[in-house]
């Protein structure tokens, strides 16, 4: 057998072995397992909490503009 052909066969065998080990790792760890059937009724996500608006009168806009010129409209 020529060395080039032997190298190609070796690479193919190693690639198949790697894919097989990768699949077995996912199978053993449960990544590929079905968690719930597709027709299962799932709970709705909870409603987001209501946020109160922040007080803007206490913010130092000039200090923010100097500290973050790229993010501030007041810096230009």
PDB file of N, CA and C in Angstrom:
ATOM      1  N   UNK A   1       0.840  -1.187   0.000  1.00  0.00           N
ATOM      2  CA  UNK A   1       0.000   0.000   0.000  1.00  0.00           C
ATOM      3  C   UNK A   1       0.879   1.242   0.000  1.00  0.00           C
ATOM      4  N   UNK A   2       0.474   2.222  -0.763  1.00  0.00           N
ATOM      5  CA  UNK A   2       1.250   3.462  -0.817  1.00  0.00           C
ATOM      6  C   UNK A   2       1.060   4.233   0.486  1.00  0.00           C
ATOM      7  N   UNK A   3       2.065   4.993   0.887  1.00  0.00           N
ATOM      8  CA  UNK A   3       1.958   5.755   2.144  1.00  0.00           C
ATOM      9  C   UNK A   3       0.850   6.807   2.117  1.00  0.00           C
ATOM     10  N   UNK A   4       0.587   7.405   0.929  1.00  0.00           N
ATOM     11  CA  UNK A   4      -0.463   8.416   0.849  1.00  0.00           C
ATOM     12  C   UNK A   4      -1.831   7.798   1.098  1.00  0.00           C
ATOM     13  N   UNK A   5      -2.072   6.635   0.506  1.00  0.00           N
ATOM     14  CA  UNK A   5      -3.353   5.955   0.681  1.00  0.00           C
ATOM     15  C   UNK A   5      -3.528   5.511   2.127  1.00  0.00           C
ATOM     16  N   UNK A   6      -2.450   5.039   2.730  1.00  0.00           N
ATOM     17  CA  UNK A   6      -2.508   4.620   4.128  1.00  0.00           C
ATOM     18  C   UNK A   6      -2.816   5.814   5.033  1.00  0.00           C
ATOM     19  N   UNK A   7      -2.274   6.980   4.723  1.00  0.00           N
ATOM     20  CA  UNK A   7      -2.536   8.189   5.509  1.00  0.00           C
ATOM     21  C   UNK A   7      -3.994   8.623   5.372  1.00  0.00           C
ATOM     22  N   UNK A   8      -4.517   8.541   4.150  1.00  0.00           N
ATOM     23  CA  UNK A   8      -5.914   8.922   3.924  1.00  0.00           C
ATOM     24  C   UNK A   8      -6.845   7.987   4.691  1.00  0.00           C
ATOM     25  N   UNK A   9      -6.575   6.696   4.633  1.00  0.00           N
ATOM     26  CA  UNK A   9      -7.403   5.722   5.350  1.00  0.00           C
ATOM     27  C   UNK A   9      -7.311   5.962   6.853  1.00  0.00           C
ATOM     28  N   UNK A  10      -6.129   6.246   7.350  1.00  0.00           N
ATOM     29  CA  UNK A  10      -5.946   6.512   8.784  1.00  0.00           C
ATOM     30  C   UNK A  10      -6.721   7.748   9.211  1.00  0.00           C
ATOM     31  N   UNK A  11      -6.687   8.792   8.410  1.00  0.00           N
ATOM     32  CA  UNK A  11      -7.421  10.014   8.732  1.00  0.00           C
ATOM     33  C   UNK A  11      -8.923   9.754   8.748  1.00  0.00           C
ATOM     34  N   UNK A  12      -9.415   8.994   7.783  1.00  0.00           N
ATOM     35  CA  UNK A  12     -10.845   8.672   7.734  1.00  0.00           C
ATOM     36  C   UNK A  12     -11.258   7.851   8.946  1.00  0.00           C
ATOM     37  N   UNK A  13     -10.470   6.864   9.307  1.00  0.00           N
ATOM     38  CA  UNK A  13     -10.783   6.028  10.474  1.00  0.00           C
ATOM     39  C   UNK A  13     -10.773   6.870  11.749  1.00  0.00           C
ATOM     40  N   UNK A  14      -9.797   7.746  11.886  1.00  0.00           N
ATOM     41  CA  UNK A  14      -9.742   8.595  13.073  1.00  0.00           C
ATOM     42  C   UNK A  14     -10.910   9.576  13.117  1.00  0.00           C
ATOM     43  N   UNK A  15     -11.313  10.098  11.977  1.00  0.00           N
ATOM     44  CA  UNK A  15     -12.461  11.014  11.933  1.00  0.00           C
ATOM     45  C   UNK A  15     -13.740  10.287  12.322  1.00  0.00           C
ATOM     46  N   UNK A  16     -13.933   9.072  11.821  1.00  0.00           N
ATOM     47  CA  UNK A  16     -15.120   8.296  12.183  1.00  0.00           C
ATOM     48  C   UNK A  16     -15.095   7.972  13.678  1.00  0.00           C
ATOM     49  N   UNK A  17     -13.935   7.631  14.204  1.00  0.00           N
ATOM     50  CA  UNK A  17     -13.821   7.342  15.640  1.00  0.00           C
ATOM     51  C   UNK A  17     -14.126   8.589  16.471  1.00  0.00           C
ATOM     52  N   UNK A  18     -13.655   9.739  16.040  1.00  0.00           N
ATOM     53  CA  UNK A  18     -13.917  10.979  16.770  1.00  0.00           C
ATOM     54  C   UNK A  18     -15.402  11.305  16.774  1.00  0.00           C
ATOM     55  N   UNK A  19     -16.048  11.166  15.616  1.00  0.00           N
ATOM     56  CA  UNK A  19     -17.487  11.437  15.536  1.00  0.00           C
ATOM     57  C   UNK A  19     -18.255  10.447  16.413  1.00  0.00           C
ATOM     58  N   UNK A  20     -17.859   9.200  16.409  1.00  0.00           N
ATOM     59  CA  UNK A  20     -18.505   8.197  17.255  1.00  0.00           C
ATOM     60  C   UNK A  20     -18.348   8.502  18.736  1.00  0.00           C
ATOM     61  N   UNK A  21     -17.160   8.887  19.141  1.00  0.00           N
ATOM     62  CA  UNK A  21     -16.941   9.235  20.555  1.00  0.00           C
ATOM     63  C   UNK A  21     -17.715  10.489  20.925  1.00  0.00           C
ATOM     64  N   UNK A  22     -17.771  11.453  20.014  1.00  0.00           N
ATOM     65  CA  UNK A  22     -18.527  12.683  20.261  1.00  0.00           C
ATOM     66  C   UNK A  22     -20.003  12.360  20.465  1.00  0.00           C
ATOM     67  N   UNK A  23     -20.561  11.509  19.610  1.00  0.00           N
ATOM     68  CA  UNK A  23     -21.962  11.124  19.728  1.00  0.00           C
ATOM     69  C   UNK A  23     -22.205  10.371  21.045  1.00  0.00           C
ATOM     70  N   UNK A  24     -21.314   9.448  21.373  1.00  0.00           N
ATOM     71  CA  UNK A  24     -21.490   8.692  22.606  1.00  0.00           C
ATOM     72  C   UNK A  24     -21.403   9.604  23.834  1.00  0.00           C
ATOM     73  N   UNK A  25     -20.560  10.603  23.786  1.00  0.00           N
ATOM     74  CA  UNK A  25     -20.466  11.548  24.902  1.00  0.00           C
ATOM     75  C   UNK A  25     -21.791  12.274  25.081  1.00  0.00           C
ATOM     76  N   UNK A  26     -22.392  12.737  23.987  1.00  0.00           N
ATOM     77  CA  UNK A  26     -23.681  13.407  24.093  1.00  0.00           C
ATOM     78  C   UNK A  26     -24.768  12.446  24.547  1.00  0.00           C
ATOM     79  N   UNK A  27     -24.709  11.198  24.101  1.00  0.00           N
ATOM     80  CA  UNK A  27     -25.718  10.222  24.490  1.00  0.00           C
ATOM     81  C   UNK A  27     -25.600   9.888  25.980  1.00  0.00           C
ATOM     82  N   UNK A  28     -24.379   9.702  26.467  1.00  0.00           N
ATOM     83  CA  UNK A  28     -24.173   9.357  27.877  1.00  0.00           C
ATOM     84  C   UNK A  28     -24.561  10.512  28.793  1.00  0.00           C
ATOM     85  N   UNK A  29     -24.241  11.728  28.408  1.00  0.00           N
ATOM     86  CA  UNK A  29     -24.549  12.877  29.266  1.00  0.00           C
ATOM     87  C   UNK A  29     -25.998  13.310  29.165  1.00  0.00           C
ATOM     88  N   UNK A  30     -26.764  12.763  28.227  1.00  0.00           N
ATOM     89  CA  UNK A  30     -28.177  13.074  28.140  1.00  0.00           C
ATOM     90  C   UNK A  30     -28.508  14.281  27.299  1.00  0.00           C
ATOM     91  N   UNK A  31     -27.564  14.807  26.563  1.00  0.00           N
ATOM     92  CA  UNK A  31     -27.822  15.985  25.736  1.00  0.00           C
ATOM     93  C   UNK A  31     -28.808  15.659  24.619  1.00  0.00           C
ATOM     94  N   UNK A  32     -28.739  14.452  24.077  1.00  0.00           N
ATOM     95  CA  UNK A  32     -29.609  14.086  22.970  1.00  0.00           C
ATOM     96  C   UNK A  32     -30.928  13.476  23.429  1.00  0.00           C
ATOM     97  N   UNK A  33     -31.160  13.338  24.741  1.00  0.00           N
ATOM     98  CA  UNK A  33     -32.384  12.710  25.237  1.00  0.00           C
ATOM     99  C   UNK A  33     -33.574  13.656  25.106  1.00  0.00           C
ATOM    100  N   UNK A  34     -34.755  13.082  24.891  1.00  0.00           N
ATOM    101  CA  UNK A  34     -35.979  13.868  24.858  1.00  0.00           C
ATOM    102  C   UNK A  34     -36.356  14.220  26.291  1.00  0.00           C
ATOM    103  N   UNK A  35     -36.517  15.490  26.563  1.00  0.00           N
ATOM    104  CA  UNK A  35     -36.866  15.930  27.907  1.00  0.00           C
ATOM    105  C   UNK A  35     -38.361  15.813  28.124  1.00  0.00           C
ATOM    106  N   UNK A  36     -39.131  16.268  27.191  1.00  0.00           N
ATOM    107  CA  UNK A  36     -40.581  16.202  27.270  1.00  0.00           C
ATOM    108  C   UNK A  36     -41.112  15.895  25.877  1.00  0.00           C
ATOM    109  N   UNK A  37     -42.220  15.166  25.798  1.00  0.00           N
ATOM    110  CA  UNK A  37     -42.786  14.909  24.479  1.00  0.00           C
ATOM    111  C   UNK A  37     -43.198  16.203  23.793  1.00  0.00           C
ATOM    112  N   UNK A  38     -43.227  16.178  22.487  1.00  0.00           N
ATOM    113  CA  UNK A  38     -43.546  17.390  21.723  1.00  0.00           C
ATOM    114  C   UNK A  38     -44.962  17.879  22.002  1.00  0.00           C
ATOM    115  N   UNK A  39     -45.885  16.973  22.309  1.00  0.00           N
ATOM    116  CA  UNK A  39     -47.265  17.383  22.549  1.00  0.00           C
ATOM    117  C   UNK A  39     -47.514  17.770  24.000  1.00  0.00           C
ATOM    118  N   UNK A  40     -46.500  17.759  24.841  1.00  0.00           N
ATOM    119  CA  UNK A  40     -46.677  18.108  26.249  1.00  0.00           C
ATOM    120  C   UNK A  40     -47.035  19.579  26.398  1.00  0.00           C
ATOM    121  N   UNK A  41     -47.924  19.850  27.337  1.00  0.00           N
ATOM    122  CA  UNK A  41     -48.331  21.231  27.579  1.00  0.00           C
ATOM    123  C   UNK A  41     -47.338  21.861  28.547  1.00  0.00           C
ATOM    124  N   UNK A  42     -46.758  22.938  28.132  1.00  0.00           N
ATOM    125  CA  UNK A  42     -45.740  23.584  28.956  1.00  0.00           C
ATOM    126  C   UNK A  42     -46.324  24.790  29.662  1.00  0.00           C
ATOM    127  N   UNK A  43     -45.760  25.086  30.819  1.00  0.00           N
ATOM    128  CA  UNK A  43     -46.216  26.246  31.582  1.00  0.00           C
ATOM    129  C   UNK A  43     -45.778  27.521  30.885  1.00  0.00           C
ATOM    130  N   UNK A  44     -46.581  28.552  31.055  1.00  0.00           N
ATOM    131  CA  UNK A  44     -46.226  29.850  30.487  1.00  0.00           C
ATOM    132  C   UNK A  44     -45.139  30.481  31.352  1.00  0.00           C
ATOM    133  N   UNK A  45     -44.258  31.266  30.770  1.00  0.00           N
ATOM    134  CA  UNK A  45     -43.235  31.922  31.576  1.00  0.00           C
ATOM    135  C   UNK A  45     -43.875  32.944  32.509  1.00  0.00           C
ATOM    136  N   UNK A  46     -43.239  33.229  33.635  1.00  0.00           N
ATOM    137  CA  UNK A  46     -43.819  34.197  34.560  1.00  0.00           C
ATOM    138  C   UNK A  46     -43.818  35.600  33.963  1.00  0.00           C
ATOM    139  N   UNK A  47     -44.728  36.405  34.456  1.00  0.00           N
ATOM    140  CA  UNK A  47     -44.813  37.790  33.981  1.00  0.00           C
ATOM    141  C   UNK A  47     -43.587  38.563  34.472  1.00  0.00           C
ATOM    142  N   UNK A  48     -43.086  39.472  33.668  1.00  0.00           N
ATOM    143  CA  UNK A  48     -41.924  40.248  34.114  1.00  0.00           C
ATOM    144  C   UNK A  48     -42.319  41.183  35.253  1.00  0.00           C
ATOM    145  N   UNK A  49     -41.394  41.459  36.160  1.00  0.00           N
ATOM    146  CA  UNK A  49     -41.729  42.353  37.271  1.00  0.00           C
ATOM    147  C   UNK A  49     -41.890  43.791  36.789  1.00  0.00           C
ATOM    148  N   UNK A  50     -42.727  44.527  37.472  1.00  0.00           N
ATOM    149  CA  UNK A  50     -42.920  45.932  37.126  1.00  0.00           C
ATOM    150  C   UNK A  50     -41.750  46.728  37.688  1.00  0.00           C
ATOM    151  N   UNK A  51     -41.161  47.540  36.851  1.00  0.00           N
ATOM    152  CA  UNK A  51     -40.034  48.361  37.270  1.00  0.00           C
ATOM    153  C   UNK A  51     -40.496  49.796  37.439  1.00  0.00           C
ATOM    154  N   UNK A  52     -40.079  50.389  38.532  1.00  0.00           N
ATOM    155  CA  UNK A  52     -40.410  51.794  38.738  1.00  0.00           C
ATOM    156  C   UNK A  52     -39.389  52.627  37.981  1.00  0.00           C
ATOM    157  N   UNK A  53     -39.800  53.757  37.425  1.00  0.00           N
ATOM    158  CA  UNK A  53     -38.835  54.593  36.700  1.00  0.00           C
ATOM    159  C   UNK A  53     -37.789  55.162  37.660  1.00  0.00           C
ATOM    160  N   UNK A  54     -36.593  55.293  37.141  1.00  0.00           N
ATOM    161  CA  UNK A  54     -35.510  55.845  37.952  1.00  0.00           C
ATOM    162  C   UNK A  54     -35.649  57.363  38.038  1.00  0.00           C
ATOM    163  N   UNK A  55     -35.225  57.891  39.168  1.00  0.00           N
ATOM    164  CA  UNK A  55     -35.274  59.334  39.361  1.00  0.00           C
ATOM    165  C   UNK A  55     -34.154  59.979  38.559  1.00  0.00           C
ATOM    166  N   UNK A  56     -34.506  60.813  37.587  1.00  0.00           N
ATOM    167  CA  UNK A  56     -33.496  61.442  36.741  1.00  0.00           C
ATOM    168  C   UNK A  56     -32.956  62.717  37.343  1.00  0.00           C
ATOM    169  N   UNK A  57     -33.617  63.271  38.333  1.00  0.00           N
ATOM    170  CA  UNK A  57     -33.130  64.523  38.907  1.00  0.00           C
ATOM    171  C   UNK A  57     -31.879  64.313  39.763  1.00  0.00           C
ATOM    172  N   UNK A  58     -31.605  63.076  40.176  1.00  0.00           N
ATOM    173  CA  UNK A  58     -30.407  62.827  40.980  1.00  0.00           C
ATOM    174  C   UNK A  58     -29.205  62.435  40.123  1.00  0.00           C
ATOM    175  N   UNK A  59     -29.411  62.240  38.819  1.00  0.00           N
ATOM    176  CA  UNK A  59     -28.305  61.833  37.956  1.00  0.00           C
ATOM    177  C   UNK A  59     -27.472  63.051  37.564  1.00  0.00           C
ATOM    178  N   UNK A  60     -26.154  62.902  37.634  1.00  0.00           N
ATOM    179  CA  UNK A  60     -25.249  63.956  37.214  1.00  0.00           C
ATOM    180  C   UNK A  60     -24.909  63.716  35.746  1.00  0.00           C
ATOM    181  N   UNK A  61     -25.647  64.355  34.859  1.00  0.00           N
ATOM    182  CA  UNK A  61     -25.522  64.122  33.428  1.00  0.00           C
ATOM    183  C   UNK A  61     -24.179  64.622  32.904  1.00  0.00           C
ATOM    184  N   UNK A  62     -23.696  65.747  33.431  1.00  0.00           N
ATOM    185  CA  UNK A  62     -22.399  66.267  32.973  1.00  0.00           C
ATOM    186  C   UNK A  62     -21.260  65.328  33.334  1.00  0.00           C
ATOM    187  N   UNK A  63     -21.307  64.751  34.532  1.00  0.00           N
ATOM    188  CA  UNK A  63     -20.274  63.808  34.942  1.00  0.00           C
ATOM    189  C   UNK A  63     -20.321  62.559  34.061  1.00  0.00           C
ATOM    190  N   UNK A  64     -21.503  62.085  33.758  1.00  0.00           N
ATOM    191  CA  UNK A  64     -21.632  60.928  32.881  1.00  0.00           C
ATOM    192  C   UNK A  64     -21.084  61.239  31.489  1.00  0.00           C
ATOM    193  N   UNK A  65     -21.373  62.417  30.975  1.00  0.00           N
ATOM    194  CA  UNK A  65     -20.882  62.808  29.660  1.00  0.00           C
ATOM    195  C   UNK A  65     -19.375  62.881  29.605  1.00  0.00           C
ATOM    196  N   UNK A  66     -18.739  63.349  30.689  1.00  0.00           N
ATOM    197  CA  UNK A  66     -17.271  63.404  30.715  1.00  0.00           C
ATOM    198  C   UNK A  66     -16.669  62.018  30.885  1.00  0.00           C
ATOM    199  N   UNK A  67     -17.325  61.163  31.681  1.00  0.00           N
ATOM    200  CA  UNK A  67     -16.779  59.836  31.948  1.00  0.00           C
ATOM    201  C   UNK A  67     -16.987  58.886  30.772  1.00  0.00           C
ATOM    202  N   UNK A  68     -18.080  59.043  30.027  1.00  0.00           N
ATOM    203  CA  UNK A  68     -18.407  58.141  28.936  1.00  0.00           C
ATOM    204  C   UNK A  68     -18.737  58.948  27.678  1.00  0.00           C
ATOM    205  N   UNK A  69     -17.749  59.512  27.037  1.00  0.00           N
ATOM    206  CA  UNK A  69     -18.049  60.379  25.887  1.00  0.00           C
ATOM    207  C   UNK A  69     -18.623  59.615  24.702  1.00  0.00           C
ATOM    208  N   UNK A  70     -18.286  58.366  24.539  1.00  0.00           N
ATOM    209  CA  UNK A  70     -18.800  57.624  23.380  1.00  0.00           C
ATOM    210  C   UNK A  70     -20.266  57.274  23.553  1.00  0.00           C
ATOM    211  N   UNK A  71     -20.743  57.234  24.812  1.00  0.00           N
ATOM    212  CA  UNK A  71     -22.131  56.824  25.081  1.00  0.00           C
ATOM    213  C   UNK A  71     -23.034  58.005  25.392  1.00  0.00           C
ATOM    214  N   UNK A  72     -22.505  59.172  25.449  1.00  0.00           N
ATOM    215  CA  UNK A  72     -23.290  60.317  25.884  1.00  0.00           C
ATOM    216  C   UNK A  72     -23.552  61.277  24.736  1.00  0.00           C
ATOM    217  N   UNK A  73     -24.801  61.674  24.612  1.00  0.00           N
ATOM    218  CA  UNK A  73     -25.161  62.672  23.604  1.00  0.00           C
ATOM    219  C   UNK A  73     -24.753  64.084  24.053  1.00  0.00           C
ATOM    220  N   UNK A  74     -24.491  64.243  25.338  1.00  0.00           N
ATOM    221  CA  UNK A  74     -24.131  65.544  25.887  1.00  0.00           C
ATOM    222  C   UNK A  74     -22.649  65.860  25.757  1.00  0.00           C
ATOM    223  N   UNK A  75     -21.836  64.870  25.344  1.00  0.00           N
ATOM    224  CA  UNK A  75     -20.397  65.087  25.279  1.00  0.00           C
ATOM    225  C   UNK A  75     -19.978  65.865  24.038  1.00  0.00           C
ATOM    226  N   UNK A  76     -20.804  65.906  23.012  1.00  0.00           N
ATOM    227  CA  UNK A  76     -20.396  66.583  21.784  1.00  0.00           C
ATOM    228  C   UNK A  76     -20.847  68.026  21.748  1.00  0.00           C
TER     229      UNK A  76
END
